[in-house]
Each structure stands twice: as structure tokens, then as C-alpha cells.
Amino acid sequence: MNVFLGLGLPWVIAAIWEKKTNDRTYYVPSDALGFSVVLFLICALFGLIILAVRRKVVGGELGGSKQGRLLSSVLLTIIWAIYLLFSILQTLGVAGLDKITFGIDRSMKHPDPLCNK
């Protein structure tokens, strides 16, 4: 997972989509940002744990048996999919995930009233 791809790419896509479909600037609510960053940090921690275990078992992050490489790639892909799934669920407000703010003030509003709908 890369910070530029894990956090930046979805926002770039959303900004382009918003400009193309609604002809307005894209706005990321602060509570969505807090959720994404914390979720990303948790997923990144699991990824680092997988790499640390591989270093202990295999002697490095790369190489090892075919099964070990496959297991590592599957686990890292699952972590990425979990990040995407929870980000989507939070955006859609499913299971109360949109209420999780991690201490970010949700009362702050964007100056553009269209963004606060």
C-alpha cells in the first residue's frame, strides 16, 4: 500500500468525477478524512507485520517458497480490499461508520453551501 495510491488516488478520481458530473469542486468532509487516515494506518500496520514475519521466516521480504509468496500476496490484497470496503461503507453511511469521527469536529462546514448537503 502506498500513501499516494491508498489515499490520494481515490480522491483524485472523485475530484475528476465531481468536476465532470456536477461542474463543481470536490470537497472531502473532515470526518471522512479522519476515518480514512486511521483506517489506512491500521491496514498499513498489518502490512508491516506481514513483512516483518516474512523477514523472520524467509530471511527477507521477497523470495521464499511459492506458497509463502502466494500467501503473502493474498493477505496483502485482502488488507487492501478491506480498506476499500470500509472506505466505501463509511462513505455510504452503512452500519453507522459515517458517525465515527476519531475526534474530528464535524460542525465545520465548507464555504460552498452545495458541498454541505
PDB file of N, CA and C in Angstrom:
ATOM      1  N   MET A   1       0.855  -1.184   0.000  1.00  0.00           N
ATOM      2  CA  MET A   1       0.000   0.000   0.000  1.00  0.00           C
ATOM      3  C   MET A   1       0.894   1.239   0.000  1.00  0.00           C
ATOM      4  N   ASN A   2       0.539   2.157  -0.781  1.00  0.00           N
ATOM      5  CA  ASN A   2       1.299   3.380  -0.905  1.00  0.00           C
ATOM      6  C   ASN A   2       0.373   4.540  -0.543  1.00  0.00           C
ATOM      7  N   VAL A   3       0.888   5.504   0.222  1.00  0.00           N
ATOM      8  CA  VAL A   3       0.062   6.624   0.651  1.00  0.00           C
ATOM      9  C   VAL A   3      -0.526   7.357  -0.553  1.00  0.00           C
ATOM     10  N   PHE A   4       0.236   7.465  -1.617  1.00  0.00           N
ATOM     11  CA  PHE A   4      -0.259   8.181  -2.792  1.00  0.00           C
ATOM     12  C   PHE A   4      -1.384   7.416  -3.484  1.00  0.00           C
ATOM     13  N   LEU A   5      -1.295   6.090  -3.486  1.00  0.00           N
ATOM     14  CA  LEU A   5      -2.356   5.291  -4.098  1.00  0.00           C
ATOM     15  C   LEU A   5      -3.479   5.013  -3.108  1.00  0.00           C
ATOM     16  N   GLY A   6      -3.119   4.711  -1.861  1.00  0.00           N
ATOM     17  CA  GLY A   6      -4.117   4.340  -0.864  1.00  0.00           C
ATOM     18  C   GLY A   6      -5.054   5.468  -0.485  1.00  0.00           C
ATOM     19  N   LEU A   7      -4.547   6.672  -0.423  1.00  0.00           N
ATOM     20  CA  LEU A   7      -5.384   7.814  -0.054  1.00  0.00           C
ATOM     21  C   LEU A   7      -5.568   8.797  -1.210  1.00  0.00           C
ATOM     22  N   GLY A   8      -4.517   9.060  -1.942  1.00  0.00           N
ATOM     23  CA  GLY A   8      -4.574  10.097  -2.971  1.00  0.00           C
ATOM     24  C   GLY A   8      -5.339   9.720  -4.224  1.00  0.00           C
ATOM     25  N   LEU A   9      -5.129   8.528  -4.729  1.00  0.00           N
ATOM     26  CA  LEU A   9      -5.754   8.144  -5.987  1.00  0.00           C
ATOM     27  C   LEU A   9      -7.283   8.146  -5.920  1.00  0.00           C
ATOM     28  N   PRO A  10      -7.906   7.570  -4.871  1.00  0.00           N
ATOM     29  CA  PRO A  10      -9.373   7.636  -4.815  1.00  0.00           C
ATOM     30  C   PRO A  10      -9.902   9.073  -4.790  1.00  0.00           C
ATOM     31  N   TRP A  11      -9.199   9.968  -4.109  1.00  0.00           N
ATOM     32  CA  TRP A  11      -9.649  11.356  -4.045  1.00  0.00           C
ATOM     33  C   TRP A  11      -9.465  12.064  -5.378  1.00  0.00           C
ATOM     34  N   VAL A  12      -8.390  11.740  -6.091  1.00  0.00           N
ATOM     35  CA  VAL A  12      -8.191  12.331  -7.413  1.00  0.00           C
ATOM     36  C   VAL A  12      -9.309  11.877  -8.355  1.00  0.00           C
ATOM     37  N   ILE A  13      -9.630  10.578  -8.309  1.00  0.00           N
ATOM     38  CA  ILE A  13     -10.718  10.056  -9.145  1.00  0.00           C
ATOM     39  C   ILE A  13     -12.034  10.731  -8.787  1.00  0.00           C
ATOM     40  N   ALA A  14     -12.311  10.865  -7.482  1.00  0.00           N
ATOM     41  CA  ALA A  14     -13.556  11.502  -7.052  1.00  0.00           C
ATOM     42  C   ALA A  14     -13.601  12.967  -7.474  1.00  0.00           C
ATOM     43  N   ALA A  15     -12.465  13.661  -7.390  1.00  0.00           N
ATOM     44  CA  ALA A  15     -12.425  15.077  -7.780  1.00  0.00           C
ATOM     45  C   ALA A  15     -12.689  15.229  -9.281  1.00  0.00           C
ATOM     46  N   ILE A  16     -12.095  14.373 -10.070  1.00  0.00           N
ATOM     47  CA  ILE A  16     -12.324  14.429 -11.520  1.00  0.00           C
ATOM     48  C   ILE A  16     -13.781  14.104 -11.827  1.00  0.00           C
ATOM     49  N   TRP A  17     -14.323  13.079 -11.162  1.00  0.00           N
ATOM     50  CA  TRP A  17     -15.719  12.682 -11.376  1.00  0.00           C
ATOM     51  C   TRP A  17     -16.673  13.807 -10.978  1.00  0.00           C
ATOM     52  N   GLU A  18     -16.417  14.441  -9.829  1.00  0.00           N
ATOM     53  CA  GLU A  18     -17.283  15.530  -9.345  1.00  0.00           C
ATOM     54  C   GLU A  18     -17.261  16.700 -10.310  1.00  0.00           C
ATOM     55  N   LYS A  19     -16.098  17.051 -10.803  1.00  0.00           N
ATOM     56  CA  LYS A  19     -15.976  18.168 -11.735  1.00  0.00           C
ATOM     57  C   LYS A  19     -16.677  17.831 -13.052  1.00  0.00           C
ATOM     58  N   LYS A  20     -16.546  16.580 -13.481  1.00  0.00           N
ATOM     59  CA  LYS A  20     -17.127  16.171 -14.757  1.00  0.00           C
ATOM     60  C   LYS A  20     -18.653  16.084 -14.670  1.00  0.00           C
ATOM     61  N   THR A  21     -19.194  15.564 -13.584  1.00  0.00           N
ATOM     62  CA  THR A  21     -20.635  15.334 -13.497  1.00  0.00           C
ATOM     63  C   THR A  21     -21.408  16.521 -12.924  1.00  0.00           C
ATOM     64  N   ASN A  22     -20.828  17.246 -11.961  1.00  0.00           N
ATOM     65  CA  ASN A  22     -21.552  18.338 -11.299  1.00  0.00           C
ATOM     66  C   ASN A  22     -20.954  19.711 -11.554  1.00  0.00           C
ATOM     67  N   ASP A  23     -19.801  19.760 -12.242  1.00  0.00           N
ATOM     68  CA  ASP A  23     -19.094  21.005 -12.534  1.00  0.00           C
ATOM     69  C   ASP A  23     -18.883  21.856 -11.279  1.00  0.00           C
ATOM     70  N   ARG A  24     -18.407  21.206 -10.221  1.00  0.00           N
ATOM     71  CA  ARG A  24     -18.039  21.940  -9.003  1.00  0.00           C
ATOM     72  C   ARG A  24     -16.816  21.291  -8.367  1.00  0.00           C
ATOM     73  N   THR A  25     -16.237  21.973  -7.420  1.00  0.00           N
ATOM     74  CA  THR A  25     -15.044  21.475  -6.754  1.00  0.00           C
ATOM     75  C   THR A  25     -15.382  20.317  -5.828  1.00  0.00           C
ATOM     76  N   TYR A  26     -14.446  19.408  -5.705  1.00  0.00           N
ATOM     77  CA  TYR A  26     -14.644  18.256  -4.829  1.00  0.00           C
ATOM     78  C   TYR A  26     -14.277  18.642  -3.404  1.00  0.00           C
ATOM     79  N   TYR A  27     -15.081  18.234  -2.469  1.00  0.00           N
ATOM     80  CA  TYR A  27     -14.878  18.556  -1.064  1.00  0.00           C
ATOM     81  C   TYR A  27     -14.872  17.264  -0.263  1.00  0.00           C
ATOM     82  N   VAL A  28     -13.831  17.060   0.538  1.00  0.00           N
ATOM     83  CA  VAL A  28     -13.752  15.896   1.418  1.00  0.00           C
ATOM     84  C   VAL A  28     -14.099  16.360   2.818  1.00  0.00           C
ATOM     85  N   PRO A  29     -15.231  15.901   3.376  1.00  0.00           N
ATOM     86  CA  PRO A  29     -15.572  16.290   4.745  1.00  0.00           C
ATOM     87  C   PRO A  29     -14.483  15.838   5.710  1.00  0.00           C
ATOM     88  N   SER A  30     -14.241  16.626   6.733  1.00  0.00           N
ATOM     89  CA  SER A  30     -13.150  16.321   7.653  1.00  0.00           C
ATOM     90  C   SER A  30     -13.351  14.995   8.361  1.00  0.00           C
ATOM     91  N   ASP A  31     -14.594  14.614   8.637  1.00  0.00           N
ATOM     92  CA  ASP A  31     -14.797  13.334   9.309  1.00  0.00           C
ATOM     93  C   ASP A  31     -14.437  12.165   8.397  1.00  0.00           C
ATOM     94  N   ALA A  32     -14.657  12.298   7.113  1.00  0.00           N
ATOM     95  CA  ALA A  32     -14.265  11.240   6.170  1.00  0.00           C
ATOM     96  C   ALA A  32     -12.747  11.135   6.091  1.00  0.00           C
ATOM     97  N   LEU A  33     -12.067  12.257   6.161  1.00  0.00           N
ATOM     98  CA  LEU A  33     -10.614  12.255   6.122  1.00  0.00           C
ATOM     99  C   LEU A  33     -10.049  11.539   7.340  1.00  0.00           C
ATOM    100  N   GLY A  34     -10.560  11.857   8.518  1.00  0.00           N
ATOM    101  CA  GLY A  34     -10.080  11.213   9.743  1.00  0.00           C
ATOM    102  C   GLY A  34     -10.272   9.711   9.702  1.00  0.00           C
ATOM    103  N   PHE A  35     -11.434   9.274   9.260  1.00  0.00           N
ATOM    104  CA  PHE A  35     -11.716   7.845   9.162  1.00  0.00           C
ATOM    105  C   PHE A  35     -10.753   7.172   8.194  1.00  0.00           C
ATOM    106  N   SER A  36     -10.545   7.774   7.025  1.00  0.00           N
ATOM    107  CA  SER A  36      -9.658   7.191   6.019  1.00  0.00           C
ATOM    108  C   SER A  36      -8.223   7.084   6.515  1.00  0.00           C
ATOM    109  N   VAL A  37      -7.747   8.113   7.179  1.00  0.00           N
ATOM    110  CA  VAL A  37      -6.362   8.102   7.655  1.00  0.00           C
ATOM    111  C   VAL A  37      -6.174   7.039   8.732  1.00  0.00           C
ATOM    112  N   VAL A  38      -7.095   6.962   9.686  1.00  0.00           N
ATOM    113  CA  VAL A  38      -6.972   5.955  10.745  1.00  0.00           C
ATOM    114  C   VAL A  38      -7.088   4.550  10.159  1.00  0.00           C
ATOM    115  N   LEU A  39      -8.030   4.347   9.272  1.00  0.00           N
ATOM    116  CA  LEU A  39      -8.180   3.045   8.628  1.00  0.00           C
ATOM    117  C   LEU A  39      -6.925   2.684   7.840  1.00  0.00           C
ATOM    118  N   PHE A  40      -6.366   3.650   7.126  1.00  0.00           N
ATOM    119  CA  PHE A  40      -5.139   3.410   6.372  1.00  0.00           C
ATOM    120  C   PHE A  40      -3.998   3.024   7.302  1.00  0.00           C
ATOM    121  N   LEU A  41      -3.869   3.707   8.430  1.00  0.00           N
ATOM    122  CA  LEU A  41      -2.789   3.392   9.376  1.00  0.00           C
ATOM    123  C   LEU A  41      -2.934   1.980   9.931  1.00  0.00           C
ATOM    124  N   ILE A  42      -4.162   1.573  10.233  1.00  0.00           N
ATOM    125  CA  ILE A  42      -4.396   0.218  10.738  1.00  0.00           C
ATOM    126  C   ILE A  42      -4.017  -0.812   9.677  1.00  0.00           C
ATOM    127  N   CYS A  43      -4.464  -0.586   8.442  1.00  0.00           N
ATOM    128  CA  CYS A  43      -4.135  -1.521   7.352  1.00  0.00           C
ATOM    129  C   CYS A  43      -2.631  -1.542   7.083  1.00  0.00           C
ATOM    130  N   ALA A  44      -1.985  -0.401   7.126  1.00  0.00           N
ATOM    131  CA  ALA A  44      -0.543  -0.337   6.911  1.00  0.00           C
ATOM    132  C   ALA A  44       0.206  -1.087   8.012  1.00  0.00           C
ATOM    133  N   LEU A  45      -0.284  -0.993   9.242  1.00  0.00           N
ATOM    134  CA  LEU A  45       0.332  -1.723  10.345  1.00  0.00           C
ATOM    135  C   LEU A  45       0.270  -3.228  10.100  1.00  0.00           C
ATOM    136  N   PHE A  46      -0.892  -3.722   9.662  1.00  0.00           N
ATOM    137  CA  PHE A  46      -0.998  -5.147   9.337  1.00  0.00           C
ATOM    138  C   PHE A  46      -0.055  -5.527   8.199  1.00  0.00           C
ATOM    139  N   GLY A  47       0.074  -4.672   7.210  1.00  0.00           N
ATOM    140  CA  GLY A  47       1.002  -4.928   6.115  1.00  0.00           C
ATOM    141  C   GLY A  47       2.442  -5.013   6.597  1.00  0.00           C
ATOM    142  N   LEU A  48       2.816  -4.108   7.506  1.00  0.00           N
ATOM    143  CA  LEU A  48       4.178  -4.133   8.053  1.00  0.00           C
ATOM    144  C   LEU A  48       4.408  -5.378   8.900  1.00  0.00           C
ATOM    145  N   ILE A  49       3.383  -5.821   9.611  1.00  0.00           N
ATOM    146  CA  ILE A  49       3.506  -7.050  10.398  1.00  0.00           C
ATOM    147  C   ILE A  49       3.762  -8.241   9.474  1.00  0.00           C
ATOM    148  N   ILE A  50       3.038  -8.293   8.368  1.00  0.00           N
ATOM    149  CA  ILE A  50       3.245  -9.382   7.398  1.00  0.00           C
ATOM    150  C   ILE A  50       4.686  -9.353   6.879  1.00  0.00           C
ATOM    151  N   LEU A  51       5.189  -8.162   6.567  1.00  0.00           N
ATOM    152  CA  LEU A  51       6.565  -8.052   6.073  1.00  0.00           C
ATOM    153  C   LEU A  51       7.582  -8.440   7.142  1.00  0.00           C
ATOM    154  N   ALA A  52       7.306  -8.077   8.403  1.00  0.00           N
ATOM    155  CA  ALA A  52       8.212  -8.439   9.494  1.00  0.00           C
ATOM    156  C   ALA A  52       8.232  -9.952   9.710  1.00  0.00           C
ATOM    157  N   VAL A  53       7.078 -10.586   9.623  1.00  0.00           N
ATOM    158  CA  VAL A  53       7.014 -12.049   9.759  1.00  0.00           C
ATOM    159  C   VAL A  53       7.770 -12.705   8.611  1.00  0.00           C
ATOM    160  N   ARG A  54       7.593 -12.182   7.405  1.00  0.00           N
ATOM    161  CA  ARG A  54       8.332 -12.736   6.264  1.00  0.00           C
ATOM    162  C   ARG A  54       9.835 -12.588   6.462  1.00  0.00           C
ATOM    163  N   ARG A  55      10.267 -11.473   7.023  1.00  0.00           N
ATOM    164  CA  ARG A  55      11.703 -11.274   7.241  1.00  0.00           C
ATOM    165  C   ARG A  55      12.240 -12.312   8.218  1.00  0.00           C
ATOM    166  N   LYS A  56      11.456 -12.603   9.273  1.00  0.00           N
ATOM    167  CA  LYS A  56      11.879 -13.602  10.263  1.00  0.00           C
ATOM    168  C   LYS A  56      11.898 -15.011   9.668  1.00  0.00           C
ATOM    169  N   VAL A  57      10.824 -15.361   8.950  1.00  0.00           N
ATOM    170  CA  VAL A  57      10.667 -16.728   8.452  1.00  0.00           C
ATOM    171  C   VAL A  57      11.529 -16.986   7.223  1.00  0.00           C
ATOM    172  N   VAL A  58      11.482 -16.077   6.255  1.00  0.00           N
ATOM    173  CA  VAL A  58      12.151 -16.290   4.961  1.00  0.00           C
ATOM    174  C   VAL A  58      13.547 -15.690   4.942  1.00  0.00           C
ATOM    175  N   GLY A  59      13.777 -14.672   5.757  1.00  0.00           N
ATOM    176  CA  GLY A  59      15.066 -14.002   5.754  1.00  0.00           C
ATOM    177  C   GLY A  59      15.056 -12.736   4.916  1.00  0.00           C
ATOM    178  N   GLY A  60      13.900 -12.332   4.448  1.00  0.00           N
ATOM    179  CA  GLY A  60      13.745 -11.116   3.650  1.00  0.00           C
ATOM    180  C   GLY A  60      12.295 -10.947   3.253  1.00  0.00           C
ATOM    181  N   GLU A  61      11.981  -9.776   2.732  1.00  0.00           N
ATOM    182  CA  GLU A  61      10.600  -9.503   2.340  1.00  0.00           C
ATOM    183  C   GLU A  61      10.242 -10.184   1.031  1.00  0.00           C
ATOM    184  N   LEU A  62      11.231 -10.405   0.188  1.00  0.00           N
ATOM    185  CA  LEU A  62      10.999 -11.039  -1.117  1.00  0.00           C
ATOM    186  C   LEU A  62      11.554 -12.453  -1.099  1.00  0.00           C
ATOM    187  N   GLY A  63      11.058 -13.278  -1.993  1.00  0.00           N
ATOM    188  CA  GLY A  63      11.564 -14.641  -2.124  1.00  0.00           C
ATOM    189  C   GLY A  63      10.797 -15.618  -1.258  1.00  0.00           C
ATOM    190  N   GLY A  64      11.408 -16.762  -1.056  1.00  0.00           N
ATOM    191  CA  GLY A  64      10.769 -17.812  -0.288  1.00  0.00           C
ATOM    192  C   GLY A  64      10.052 -18.797  -1.190  1.00  0.00           C
ATOM    193  N   SER A  65       9.313 -19.682  -0.571  1.00  0.00           N
ATOM    194  CA  SER A  65       8.603 -20.709  -1.337  1.00  0.00           C
ATOM    195  C   SER A  65       7.447 -20.091  -2.112  1.00  0.00           C
ATOM    196  N   LYS A  66       6.984 -20.845  -3.096  1.00  0.00           N
ATOM    197  CA  LYS A  66       5.864 -20.365  -3.904  1.00  0.00           C
ATOM    198  C   LYS A  66       4.622 -20.157  -3.033  1.00  0.00           C
ATOM    199  N   GLN A  67       4.373 -21.092  -2.097  1.00  0.00           N
ATOM    200  CA  GLN A  67       3.215 -20.979  -1.213  1.00  0.00           C
ATOM    201  C   GLN A  67       3.333 -19.744  -0.310  1.00  0.00           C
ATOM    202  N   GLY A  68       4.529 -19.475   0.187  1.00  0.00           N
ATOM    203  CA  GLY A  68       4.756 -18.305   1.041  1.00  0.00           C
ATOM    204  C   GLY A  68       4.530 -17.001   0.291  1.00  0.00           C
ATOM    205  N   ARG A  69       5.018 -16.948  -0.944  1.00  0.00           N
ATOM    206  CA  ARG A  69       4.810 -15.751  -1.757  1.00  0.00           C
ATOM    207  C   ARG A  69       3.335 -15.556  -2.069  1.00  0.00           C
ATOM    208  N   LEU A  70       2.657 -16.660  -2.399  1.00  0.00           N
ATOM    209  CA  LEU A  70       1.226 -16.586  -2.707  1.00  0.00           C
ATOM    210  C   LEU A  70       0.429 -16.153  -1.481  1.00  0.00           C
ATOM    211  N   LEU A  71       0.736 -16.741  -0.326  1.00  0.00           N
ATOM    212  CA  LEU A  71       0.027 -16.378   0.906  1.00  0.00           C
ATOM    213  C   LEU A  71       0.222 -14.899   1.236  1.00  0.00           C
ATOM    214  N   SER A  72       1.459 -14.429   1.114  1.00  0.00           N
ATOM    215  CA  SER A  72       1.732 -13.007   1.409  1.00  0.00           C
ATOM    216  C   SER A  72       0.970 -12.091   0.465  1.00  0.00           C
ATOM    217  N   SER A  73       0.980 -12.414  -0.822  1.00  0.00           N
ATOM    218  CA  SER A  73       0.286 -11.551  -1.785  1.00  0.00           C
ATOM    219  C   SER A  73      -1.224 -11.578  -1.547  1.00  0.00           C
ATOM    220  N   VAL A  74      -1.768 -12.748  -1.191  1.00  0.00           N
ATOM    221  CA  VAL A  74      -3.198 -12.838  -0.908  1.00  0.00           C
ATOM    222  C   VAL A  74      -3.542 -12.027   0.335  1.00  0.00           C
ATOM    223  N   LEU A  75      -2.742 -12.149   1.395  1.00  0.00           N
ATOM    224  CA  LEU A  75      -3.010 -11.388   2.626  1.00  0.00           C
ATOM    225  C   LEU A  75      -2.940  -9.882   2.392  1.00  0.00           C
ATOM    226  N   LEU A  76      -1.925  -9.442   1.650  1.00  0.00           N
ATOM    227  CA  LEU A  76      -1.800  -8.010   1.371  1.00  0.00           C
ATOM    228  C   LEU A  76      -2.951  -7.513   0.493  1.00  0.00           C
ATOM    229  N   THR A  77      -3.406  -8.333  -0.444  1.00  0.00           N
ATOM    230  CA  THR A  77      -4.555  -7.960  -1.274  1.00  0.00           C
ATOM    231  C   THR A  77      -5.827  -7.892  -0.448  1.00  0.00           C
ATOM    232  N   ILE A  78      -5.978  -8.811   0.502  1.00  0.00           N
ATOM    233  CA  ILE A  78      -7.148  -8.791   1.396  1.00  0.00           C
ATOM    234  C   ILE A  78      -7.143  -7.520   2.242  1.00  0.00           C
ATOM    235  N   ILE A  79      -5.975  -7.128   2.747  1.00  0.00           N
ATOM    236  CA  ILE A  79      -5.885  -5.889   3.535  1.00  0.00           C
ATOM    237  C   ILE A  79      -6.310  -4.703   2.680  1.00  0.00           C
ATOM    238  N   TRP A  80      -5.852  -4.645   1.446  1.00  0.00           N
ATOM    239  CA  TRP A  80      -6.226  -3.558   0.536  1.00  0.00           C
ATOM    240  C   TRP A  80      -7.733  -3.565   0.282  1.00  0.00           C
ATOM    241  N   ALA A  81      -8.304  -4.759   0.060  1.00  0.00           N
ATOM    242  CA  ALA A  81      -9.749  -4.873  -0.182  1.00  0.00           C
ATOM    243  C   ALA A  81     -10.547  -4.447   1.052  1.00  0.00           C
ATOM    244  N   ILE A  82     -10.057  -4.778   2.227  1.00  0.00           N
ATOM    245  CA  ILE A  82     -10.727  -4.356   3.468  1.00  0.00           C
ATOM    246  C   ILE A  82     -10.726  -2.834   3.572  1.00  0.00           C
ATOM    247  N   TYR A  83      -9.587  -2.219   3.238  1.00  0.00           N
ATOM    248  CA  TYR A  83      -9.518  -0.753   3.254  1.00  0.00           C
ATOM    249  C   TYR A  83     -10.557  -0.152   2.308  1.00  0.00           C
ATOM    250  N   LEU A  84     -10.620  -0.680   1.091  1.00  0.00           N
ATOM    251  CA  LEU A  84     -11.597  -0.171   0.124  1.00  0.00           C
ATOM    252  C   LEU A  84     -13.027  -0.392   0.605  1.00  0.00           C
ATOM    253  N   LEU A  85     -13.308  -1.582   1.109  1.00  0.00           N
ATOM    254  CA  LEU A  85     -14.650  -1.910   1.566  1.00  0.00           C
ATOM    255  C   LEU A  85     -15.104  -0.975   2.686  1.00  0.00           C
ATOM    256  N   PHE A  86     -14.256  -0.791   3.704  1.00  0.00           N
ATOM    257  CA  PHE A  86     -14.640   0.067   4.821  1.00  0.00           C
ATOM    258  C   PHE A  86     -14.735   1.533   4.397  1.00  0.00           C
ATOM    259  N   SER A  87     -13.891   1.961   3.469  1.00  0.00           N
ATOM    260  CA  SER A  87     -13.992   3.337   2.973  1.00  0.00           C
ATOM    261  C   SER A  87     -15.315   3.553   2.247  1.00  0.00           C
ATOM    262  N   ILE A  88     -15.711   2.572   1.439  1.00  0.00           N
ATOM    263  CA  ILE A  88     -16.975   2.665   0.715  1.00  0.00           C
ATOM    264  C   ILE A  88     -18.147   2.635   1.692  1.00  0.00           C
ATOM    265  N   LEU A  89     -18.102   1.714   2.663  1.00  0.00           N
ATOM    266  CA  LEU A  89     -19.185   1.615   3.645  1.00  0.00           C
ATOM    267  C   LEU A  89     -19.305   2.897   4.463  1.00  0.00           C
ATOM    268  N   GLN A  90     -18.173   3.508   4.803  1.00  0.00           N
ATOM    269  CA  GLN A  90     -18.197   4.754   5.567  1.00  0.00           C
ATOM    270  C   GLN A  90     -18.795   5.873   4.738  1.00  0.00           C
ATOM    271  N   THR A  91     -18.449   5.934   3.475  1.00  0.00           N
ATOM    272  CA  THR A  91     -18.988   6.959   2.594  1.00  0.00           C
ATOM    273  C   THR A  91     -20.492   6.807   2.418  1.00  0.00           C
ATOM    274  N   LEU A  92     -20.951   5.560   2.318  1.00  0.00           N
ATOM    275  CA  LEU A  92     -22.377   5.295   2.156  1.00  0.00           C
ATOM    276  C   LEU A  92     -23.157   5.377   3.467  1.00  0.00           C
ATOM    277  N   GLY A  93     -22.454   5.462   4.584  1.00  0.00           N
ATOM    278  CA  GLY A  93     -23.118   5.563   5.883  1.00  0.00           C
ATOM    279  C   GLY A  93     -23.688   4.248   6.380  1.00  0.00           C
ATOM    280  N   VAL A  94     -23.131   3.141   5.916  1.00  0.00           N
ATOM    281  CA  VAL A  94     -23.611   1.821   6.306  1.00  0.00           C
ATOM    282  C   VAL A  94     -23.068   1.461   7.693  1.00  0.00           C
ATOM    283  N   ALA A  95     -23.933   0.841   8.502  1.00  0.00           N
ATOM    284  CA  ALA A  95     -23.561   0.323   9.832  1.00  0.00           C
ATOM    285  C   ALA A  95     -23.031   1.416  10.764  1.00  0.00           C
ATOM    286  N   GLY A  96     -23.430   2.645  10.542  1.00  0.00           N
ATOM    287  CA  GLY A  96     -23.021   3.735  11.430  1.00  0.00           C
ATOM    288  C   GLY A  96     -21.574   4.155  11.297  1.00  0.00           C
ATOM    289  N   LEU A  97     -20.881   3.691  10.262  1.00  0.00           N
ATOM    290  CA  LEU A  97     -19.478   4.053  10.089  1.00  0.00           C
ATOM    291  C   LEU A  97     -19.291   5.537   9.805  1.00  0.00           C
ATOM    292  N   ASP A  98     -20.312   6.194   9.266  1.00  0.00           N
ATOM    293  CA  ASP A  98     -20.199   7.626   8.996  1.00  0.00           C
ATOM    294  C   ASP A  98     -20.225   8.446  10.280  1.00  0.00           C
ATOM    295  N   LYS A  99     -20.580   7.835  11.390  1.00  0.00           N
ATOM    296  CA  LYS A  99     -20.618   8.542  12.678  1.00  0.00           C
ATOM    297  C   LYS A  99     -19.261   8.522  13.382  1.00  0.00           C
ATOM    298  N   ILE A 100     -18.348   7.688  12.901  1.00  0.00           N
ATOM    299  CA  ILE A 100     -17.023   7.595  13.510  1.00  0.00           C
ATOM    300  C   ILE A 100     -16.184   8.763  13.026  1.00  0.00           C
ATOM    301  N   THR A 101     -15.766   9.623  13.954  1.00  0.00           N
ATOM    302  CA  THR A 101     -15.032  10.825  13.553  1.00  0.00           C
ATOM    303  C   THR A 101     -13.606  10.856  14.076  1.00  0.00           C
ATOM    304  N   PHE A 102     -13.259  10.005  15.043  1.00  0.00           N
ATOM    305  CA  PHE A 102     -11.935   9.996  15.654  1.00  0.00           C
ATOM    306  C   PHE A 102     -11.551  11.371  16.176  1.00  0.00           C
ATOM    307  N   GLY A 103     -12.523  12.038  16.803  1.00  0.00           N
ATOM    308  CA  GLY A 103     -12.273  13.312  17.453  1.00  0.00           C
ATOM    309  C   GLY A 103     -12.255  14.513  16.531  1.00  0.00           C
ATOM    310  N   ILE A 104     -12.592  14.363  15.277  1.00  0.00           N
ATOM    311  CA  ILE A 104     -12.599  15.479  14.332  1.00  0.00           C
ATOM    312  C   ILE A 104     -13.912  16.228  14.467  1.00  0.00           C
ATOM    313  N   ASP A 105     -13.830  17.534  14.499  1.00  0.00           N
ATOM    314  CA  ASP A 105     -15.016  18.377  14.655  1.00  0.00           C
ATOM    315  C   ASP A 105     -15.861  18.319  13.393  1.00  0.00           C
ATOM    316  N   ARG A 106     -17.063  17.745  13.502  1.00  0.00           N
ATOM    317  CA  ARG A 106     -17.936  17.610  12.341  1.00  0.00           C
ATOM    318  C   ARG A 106     -18.765  18.865  12.096  1.00  0.00           C
ATOM    319  N   SER A 107     -18.700  19.836  12.988  1.00  0.00           N
ATOM    320  CA  SER A 107     -19.527  21.032  12.824  1.00  0.00           C
ATOM    321  C   SER A 107     -18.946  22.006  11.807  1.00  0.00           C
ATOM    322  N   MET A 108     -17.678  21.829  11.449  1.00  0.00           N
ATOM    323  CA  MET A 108     -17.062  22.734  10.476  1.00  0.00           C
ATOM    324  C   MET A 108     -17.679  22.499   9.109  1.00  0.00           C
ATOM    325  N   LYS A 109     -17.982  23.559   8.427  1.00  0.00           N
ATOM    326  CA  LYS A 109     -18.642  23.471   7.119  1.00  0.00           C
ATOM    327  C   LYS A 109     -17.769  24.110   6.055  1.00  0.00           C
ATOM    328  N   HIS A 110     -17.917  23.617   4.849  1.00  0.00           N
ATOM    329  CA  HIS A 110     -17.227  24.179   3.695  1.00  0.00           C
ATOM    330  C   HIS A 110     -17.938  25.476   3.309  1.00  0.00           C
ATOM    331  N   PRO A 111     -17.204  26.500   2.833  1.00  0.00           N
ATOM    332  CA  PRO A 111     -17.838  27.755   2.448  1.00  0.00           C
ATOM    333  C   PRO A 111     -18.874  27.629   1.328  1.00  0.00           C
ATOM    334  N   ASP A 112     -18.727  26.623   0.479  1.00  0.00           N
ATOM    335  CA  ASP A 112     -19.681  26.407  -0.608  1.00  0.00           C
ATOM    336  C   ASP A 112     -20.883  25.630  -0.067  1.00  0.00           C
ATOM    337  N   PRO A 113     -22.071  26.237  -0.023  1.00  0.00           N
ATOM    338  CA  PRO A 113     -23.241  25.542   0.542  1.00  0.00           C
ATOM    339  C   PRO A 113     -23.597  24.254  -0.187  1.00  0.00           C
ATOM    340  N   LEU A 114     -23.241  24.141  -1.452  1.00  0.00           N
ATOM    341  CA  LEU A 114     -23.535  22.910  -2.181  1.00  0.00           C
ATOM    342  C   LEU A 114     -22.738  21.730  -1.646  1.00  0.00           C
ATOM    343  N   CYS A 115     -21.599  22.003  -1.051  1.00  0.00           N
ATOM    344  CA  CYS A 115     -20.749  20.930  -0.521  1.00  0.00           C
ATOM    345  C   CYS A 115     -21.290  20.395   0.807  1.00  0.00           C
ATOM    346  N   ASN A 116     -22.132  21.117   1.472  1.00  0.00           N
ATOM    347  CA  ASN A 116     -22.601  20.734   2.799  1.00  0.00           C
ATOM    348  C   ASN A 116     -23.916  19.967   2.762  1.00  0.00           C
ATOM    349  N   LYS A 117     -24.344  19.518   1.612  1.00  0.00           N
ATOM    350  CA  LYS A 117     -25.598  18.780   1.504  1.00  0.00           C
ATOM    351  C   LYS A 117     -25.378  17.343   1.919  1.00  0.00           C
TER     352      LYS A 117
END
